[in-house]
PDB file of N, CA and C in Angstrom:
ATOM      1  N   UNK A   1     133.928 121.041 173.755  1.00  0.00           N
ATOM      2  CA  UNK A   1     133.344 120.270 174.808  1.00  0.00           C
ATOM      3  C   UNK A   1     132.966 121.183 175.971  1.00  0.00           C
ATOM      4  N   UNK A   2     133.860 122.088 176.341  1.00  0.00           N
ATOM      5  CA  UNK A   2     133.547 122.996 177.455  1.00  0.00           C
ATOM      6  C   UNK A   2     132.369 123.893 177.129  1.00  0.00           C
ATOM      7  N   UNK A   3     132.386 124.405 175.914  1.00  0.00           N
ATOM      8  CA  UNK A   3     131.328 125.340 175.518  1.00  0.00           C
ATOM      9  C   UNK A   3     129.947 124.708 175.661  1.00  0.00           C
ATOM     10  N   UNK A   4     129.848 123.414 175.381  1.00  0.00           N
ATOM     11  CA  UNK A   4     128.560 122.717 175.473  1.00  0.00           C
ATOM     12  C   UNK A   4     128.393 121.957 176.787  1.00  0.00           C
ATOM     13  N   UNK A   5     129.349 122.176 177.679  1.00  0.00           N
ATOM     14  CA  UNK A   5     129.327 121.543 179.012  1.00  0.00           C
ATOM     15  C   UNK A   5     129.240 120.023 178.941  1.00  0.00           C
ATOM     16  N   UNK A   6     130.029 119.461 178.029  1.00  0.00           N
ATOM     17  CA  UNK A   6     130.099 118.007 177.892  1.00  0.00           C
ATOM     18  C   UNK A   6     131.351 117.504 178.585  1.00  0.00           C
ATOM     19  N   UNK A   7     131.222 116.404 179.275  1.00  0.00           N
ATOM     20  CA  UNK A   7     132.339 115.815 179.998  1.00  0.00           C
ATOM     21  C   UNK A   7     132.399 114.322 179.694  1.00  0.00           C
ATOM     22  N   UNK A   8     133.600 113.779 179.479  1.00  0.00           N
ATOM     23  CA  UNK A   8     133.696 112.340 179.238  1.00  0.00           C
ATOM     24  C   UNK A   8     133.235 111.566 180.468  1.00  0.00           C
ATOM     25  N   UNK A   9     132.560 110.484 180.234  1.00  0.00           N
ATOM     26  CA  UNK A   9     132.108 109.627 181.321  1.00  0.00           C
ATOM     27  C   UNK A   9     133.058 108.442 181.413  1.00  0.00           C
ATOM     28  N   UNK A  10     133.958 108.491 182.349  1.00  0.00           N
ATOM     29  CA  UNK A  10     134.983 107.461 182.499  1.00  0.00           C
ATOM     30  C   UNK A  10     134.375 106.064 182.662  1.00  0.00           C
ATOM     31  N   UNK A  11     133.231 105.986 183.319  1.00  0.00           N
ATOM     32  CA  UNK A  11     132.605 104.680 183.530  1.00  0.00           C
ATOM     33  C   UNK A  11     132.176 104.046 182.210  1.00  0.00           C
ATOM     34  N   UNK A  12     132.024 104.870 181.166  1.00  0.00           N
ATOM     35  CA  UNK A  12     131.685 104.363 179.840  1.00  0.00           C
ATOM     36  C   UNK A  12     132.927 104.171 178.976  1.00  0.00           C
ATOM     37  N   UNK A  13     134.091 104.394 179.561  1.00  0.00           N
ATOM     38  CA  UNK A  13     135.339 104.241 178.818  1.00  0.00           C
ATOM     39  C   UNK A  13     135.644 105.399 177.892  1.00  0.00           C
ATOM     40  N   UNK A  14     135.066 106.553 178.153  1.00  0.00           N
ATOM     41  CA  UNK A  14     135.305 107.712 177.302  1.00  0.00           C
ATOM     42  C   UNK A  14     136.557 108.448 177.763  1.00  0.00           C
ATOM     43  N   UNK A  15     137.516 108.539 176.873  1.00  0.00           N
ATOM     44  CA  UNK A  15     138.766 109.255 177.115  1.00  0.00           C
ATOM     45  C   UNK A  15     139.075 110.002 175.826  1.00  0.00           C
ATOM     46  N   UNK A  16     138.977 111.316 175.844  1.00  0.00           N
ATOM     47  CA  UNK A  16     139.130 112.097 174.630  1.00  0.00           C
ATOM     48  C   UNK A  16     140.521 112.696 174.527  1.00  0.00           C
ATOM     49  N   UNK A  17     141.107 112.588 173.337  1.00  0.00           N
ATOM     50  CA  UNK A  17     142.385 113.225 173.037  1.00  0.00           C
ATOM     51  C   UNK A  17     142.106 114.567 172.379  1.00  0.00           C
ATOM     52  N   UNK A  18     142.867 115.580 172.761  1.00  0.00           N
ATOM     53  CA  UNK A  18     142.709 116.899 172.166  1.00  0.00           C
ATOM     54  C   UNK A  18     143.980 117.388 171.493  1.00  0.00           C
ATOM     55  N   UNK A  19     145.110 116.771 171.786  1.00  0.00           N
ATOM     56  CA  UNK A  19     146.390 117.205 171.242  1.00  0.00           C
ATOM     57  C   UNK A  19     146.451 116.881 169.746  1.00  0.00           C
ATOM     58  N   UNK A  20     146.444 117.938 168.910  1.00  0.00           N
ATOM     59  CA  UNK A  20     146.424 117.737 167.456  1.00  0.00           C
ATOM     60  C   UNK A  20     147.649 116.987 166.953  1.00  0.00           C
ATOM     61  N   UNK A  21     148.792 117.199 167.586  1.00  0.00           N
ATOM     62  CA  UNK A  21     150.007 116.501 167.172  1.00  0.00           C
ATOM     63  C   UNK A  21     149.894 115.001 167.374  1.00  0.00           C
ATOM     64  N   UNK A  22     149.363 114.589 168.503  1.00  0.00           N
ATOM     65  CA  UNK A  22     149.188 113.166 168.780  1.00  0.00           C
ATOM     66  C   UNK A  22     148.142 112.571 167.847  1.00  0.00           C
ATOM     67  N   UNK A  23     147.047 113.298 167.624  1.00  0.00           N
ATOM     68  CA  UNK A  23     146.001 112.801 166.727  1.00  0.00           C
ATOM     69  C   UNK A  23     146.538 112.620 165.313  1.00  0.00           C
ATOM     70  N   UNK A  24     147.359 113.542 164.843  1.00  0.00           N
ATOM     71  CA  UNK A  24     147.957 113.419 163.501  1.00  0.00           C
ATOM     72  C   UNK A  24     148.905 112.232 163.442  1.00  0.00           C
ATOM     73  N   UNK A  25     149.669 111.988 164.509  1.00  0.00           N
ATOM     74  CA  UNK A  25     150.578 110.832 164.532  1.00  0.00           C
ATOM     75  C   UNK A  25     149.792 109.530 164.488  1.00  0.00           C
ATOM     76  N   UNK A  26     148.691 109.458 165.187  1.00  0.00           N
ATOM     77  CA  UNK A  26     147.850 108.260 165.150  1.00  0.00           C
ATOM     78  C   UNK A  26     147.315 108.048 163.729  1.00  0.00           C
ATOM     79  N   UNK A  27     146.822 109.116 163.118  1.00  0.00           N
ATOM     80  CA  UNK A  27     146.296 109.009 161.755  1.00  0.00           C
ATOM     81  C   UNK A  27     147.392 108.595 160.774  1.00  0.00           C
ATOM     82  N   UNK A  28     148.587 109.171 160.905  1.00  0.00           N
ATOM     83  CA  UNK A  28     149.706 108.814 160.023  1.00  0.00           C
ATOM     84  C   UNK A  28     150.090 107.350 160.162  1.00  0.00           C
ATOM     85  N   UNK A  29     149.979 106.816 161.373  1.00  0.00           N
ATOM     86  CA  UNK A  29     150.335 105.416 161.611  1.00  0.00           C
ATOM     87  C   UNK A  29     149.406 104.468 160.861  1.00  0.00           C
ATOM     88  N   UNK A  30     148.183 104.911 160.586  1.00  0.00           N
ATOM     89  CA  UNK A  30     147.215 104.083 159.875  1.00  0.00           C
ATOM     90  C   UNK A  30     147.208 104.365 158.367  1.00  0.00           C
ATOM     91  N   UNK A  31     147.948 105.361 157.925  1.00  0.00           N
ATOM     92  CA  UNK A  31     147.974 105.776 156.517  1.00  0.00           C
ATOM     93  C   UNK A  31     148.657 104.702 155.662  1.00  0.00           C
ATOM     94  N   UNK A  32     148.560 104.723 154.360  1.00  0.00           N
ATOM     95  CA  UNK A  32     148.061 105.799 153.490  1.00  0.00           C
ATOM     96  C   UNK A  32     146.556 105.729 153.294  1.00  0.00           C
ATOM     97  N   UNK A  33     145.971 106.895 153.036  1.00  0.00           N
ATOM     98  CA  UNK A  33     144.525 107.012 152.898  1.00  0.00           C
ATOM     99  C   UNK A  33     144.064 107.490 151.529  1.00  0.00           C
ATOM    100  N   UNK A  34     144.957 107.759 150.622  1.00  0.00           N
ATOM    101  CA  UNK A  34     144.570 108.324 149.337  1.00  0.00           C
ATOM    102  C   UNK A  34     143.491 107.460 148.683  1.00  0.00           C
ATOM    103  N   UNK A  35     142.330 108.079 148.415  1.00  0.00           N
ATOM    104  CA  UNK A  35     141.233 107.390 147.764  1.00  0.00           C
ATOM    105  C   UNK A  35     140.512 106.381 148.640  1.00  0.00           C
ATOM    106  N   UNK A  36     140.715 106.449 149.950  1.00  0.00           N
ATOM    107  CA  UNK A  36     140.140 105.466 150.867  1.00  0.00           C
ATOM    108  C   UNK A  36     139.019 106.100 151.693  1.00  0.00           C
ATOM    109  N   UNK A  37     137.958 105.351 151.887  1.00  0.00           N
ATOM    110  CA  UNK A  37     136.876 105.748 152.787  1.00  0.00           C
ATOM    111  C   UNK A  37     137.165 105.078 154.127  1.00  0.00           C
ATOM    112  N   UNK A  38     137.125 105.849 155.204  1.00  0.00           N
ATOM    113  CA  UNK A  38     137.463 105.356 156.540  1.00  0.00           C
ATOM    114  C   UNK A  38     136.198 105.309 157.394  1.00  0.00           C
ATOM    115  N   UNK A  39     136.021 104.221 158.144  1.00  0.00           N
ATOM    116  CA  UNK A  39     134.921 104.098 159.092  1.00  0.00           C
ATOM    117  C   UNK A  39     135.493 104.304 160.487  1.00  0.00           C
ATOM    118  N   UNK A  40     134.996 105.305 161.173  1.00  0.00           N
ATOM    119  CA  UNK A  40     135.448 105.593 162.534  1.00  0.00           C
ATOM    120  C   UNK A  40     134.302 105.306 163.497  1.00  0.00           C
ATOM    121  N   UNK A  41     134.557 104.457 164.471  1.00  0.00           N
ATOM    122  CA  UNK A  41     133.551 104.106 165.458  1.00  0.00           C
ATOM    123  C   UNK A  41     133.808 104.920 166.728  1.00  0.00           C
ATOM    124  N   UNK A  42     132.786 105.633 167.190  1.00  0.00           N
ATOM    125  CA  UNK A  42     132.908 106.426 168.416  1.00  0.00           C
ATOM    126  C   UNK A  42     133.793 107.639 168.244  1.00  0.00           C
ATOM    127  N   UNK A  43     133.444 108.568 167.354  1.00  0.00           N
ATOM    128  CA  UNK A  43     134.315 109.699 167.056  1.00  0.00           C
ATOM    129  C   UNK A  43     134.463 110.736 168.165  1.00  0.00           C
ATOM    130  N   UNK A  44     133.591 110.693 169.169  1.00  0.00           N
ATOM    131  CA  UNK A  44     133.696 111.686 170.239  1.00  0.00           C
ATOM    132  C   UNK A  44     133.628 113.094 169.682  1.00  0.00           C
ATOM    133  N   UNK A  45     134.526 113.987 170.122  1.00  0.00           N
ATOM    134  CA  UNK A  45     134.477 115.372 169.662  1.00  0.00           C
ATOM    135  C   UNK A  45     135.034 115.590 168.255  1.00  0.00           C
ATOM    136  N   UNK A  46     135.548 114.557 167.604  1.00  0.00           N
ATOM    137  CA  UNK A  46     135.949 114.678 166.203  1.00  0.00           C
ATOM    138  C   UNK A  46     137.407 114.974 165.930  1.00  0.00           C
ATOM    139  N   UNK A  47     138.255 114.936 166.926  1.00  0.00           N
ATOM    140  CA  UNK A  47     139.678 115.223 166.711  1.00  0.00           C
ATOM    141  C   UNK A  47     140.345 114.246 165.761  1.00  0.00           C
ATOM    142  N   UNK A  48     140.105 112.964 165.943  1.00  0.00           N
ATOM    143  CA  UNK A  48     140.705 111.966 165.050  1.00  0.00           C
ATOM    144  C   UNK A  48     140.082 112.048 163.666  1.00  0.00           C
ATOM    145  N   UNK A  49     138.807 112.357 163.600  1.00  0.00           N
ATOM    146  CA  UNK A  49     138.137 112.522 162.300  1.00  0.00           C
ATOM    147  C   UNK A  49     138.851 113.588 161.486  1.00  0.00           C
ATOM    148  N   UNK A  50     139.107 114.733 162.099  1.00  0.00           N
ATOM    149  CA  UNK A  50     139.814 115.823 161.409  1.00  0.00           C
ATOM    150  C   UNK A  50     141.208 115.392 160.991  1.00  0.00           C
ATOM    151  N   UNK A  51     141.911 114.695 161.877  1.00  0.00           N
ATOM    152  CA  UNK A  51     143.274 114.255 161.569  1.00  0.00           C
ATOM    153  C   UNK A  51     143.283 113.281 160.398  1.00  0.00           C
ATOM    154  N   UNK A  52     142.324 112.378 160.343  1.00  0.00           N
ATOM    155  CA  UNK A  52     142.242 111.427 159.228  1.00  0.00           C
ATOM    156  C   UNK A  52     142.031 112.157 157.909  1.00  0.00           C
ATOM    157  N   UNK A  53     141.170 113.160 157.924  1.00  0.00           N
ATOM    158  CA  UNK A  53     140.940 113.946 156.709  1.00  0.00           C
ATOM    159  C   UNK A  53     142.183 114.732 156.313  1.00  0.00           C
ATOM    160  N   UNK A  54     142.870 115.309 157.282  1.00  0.00           N
ATOM    161  CA  UNK A  54     144.096 116.053 156.994  1.00  0.00           C
ATOM    162  C   UNK A  54     145.196 115.143 156.436  1.00  0.00           C
ATOM    163  N   UNK A  55     145.167 113.880 156.824  1.00  0.00           N
ATOM    164  CA  UNK A  55     146.177 112.930 156.333  1.00  0.00           C
ATOM    165  C   UNK A  55     145.783 112.298 155.004  1.00  0.00           C
ATOM    166  N   UNK A  56     144.671 112.748 154.429  1.00  0.00           N
ATOM    167  CA  UNK A  56     144.352 112.340 153.071  1.00  0.00           C
ATOM    168  C   UNK A  56     143.196 111.389 152.882  1.00  0.00           C
ATOM    169  N   UNK A  57     142.458 111.065 153.936  1.00  0.00           N
ATOM    170  CA  UNK A  57     141.298 110.187 153.760  1.00  0.00           C
ATOM    171  C   UNK A  57     140.305 110.860 152.809  1.00  0.00           C
ATOM    172  N   UNK A  58     139.799 110.087 151.862  1.00  0.00           N
ATOM    173  CA  UNK A  58     138.826 110.610 150.918  1.00  0.00           C
ATOM    174  C   UNK A  58     137.554 111.022 151.639  1.00  0.00           C
ATOM    175  N   UNK A  59     137.141 110.197 152.594  1.00  0.00           N
ATOM    176  CA  UNK A  59     135.910 110.424 153.339  1.00  0.00           C
ATOM    177  C   UNK A  59     136.017 109.676 154.660  1.00  0.00           C
ATOM    178  N   UNK A  60     135.450 110.249 155.709  1.00  0.00           N
ATOM    179  CA  UNK A  60     135.384 109.570 156.995  1.00  0.00           C
ATOM    180  C   UNK A  60     133.907 109.455 157.363  1.00  0.00           C
ATOM    181  N   UNK A  61     133.474 108.210 157.553  1.00  0.00           N
ATOM    182  CA  UNK A  61     132.116 107.949 158.024  1.00  0.00           C
ATOM    183  C   UNK A  61     132.252 107.662 159.517  1.00  0.00           C
ATOM    184  N   UNK A  62     131.680 108.538 160.335  1.00  0.00           N
ATOM    185  CA  UNK A  62     131.800 108.428 161.780  1.00  0.00           C
ATOM    186  C   UNK A  62     130.476 107.967 162.377  1.00  0.00           C
ATOM    187  N   UNK A  63     130.541 106.896 163.163  1.00  0.00           N
ATOM    188  CA  UNK A  63     129.344 106.333 163.786  1.00  0.00           C
ATOM    189  C   UNK A  63     129.511 106.409 165.293  1.00  0.00           C
ATOM    190  N   UNK A  64     128.612 107.099 165.947  1.00  0.00           N
ATOM    191  CA  UNK A  64     128.688 107.243 167.391  1.00  0.00           C
ATOM    192  C   UNK A  64     128.049 106.056 168.069  1.00  0.00           C
TER     193      UNK A  64
END
């Protein structure tokens, strides 16, 4: 985000998580994902997308 000079716009409700540990815990709470396709709405910088894949999602379709 910094490299591309992108900043969350709070007025649009954008709040991005960057802590990989928290993102993995969120993904684990929604598991199991084996053989499952996941639809993620508003992926932002992709932290949760990566966590879902690491937790075993077959595929993540992210729609901004």
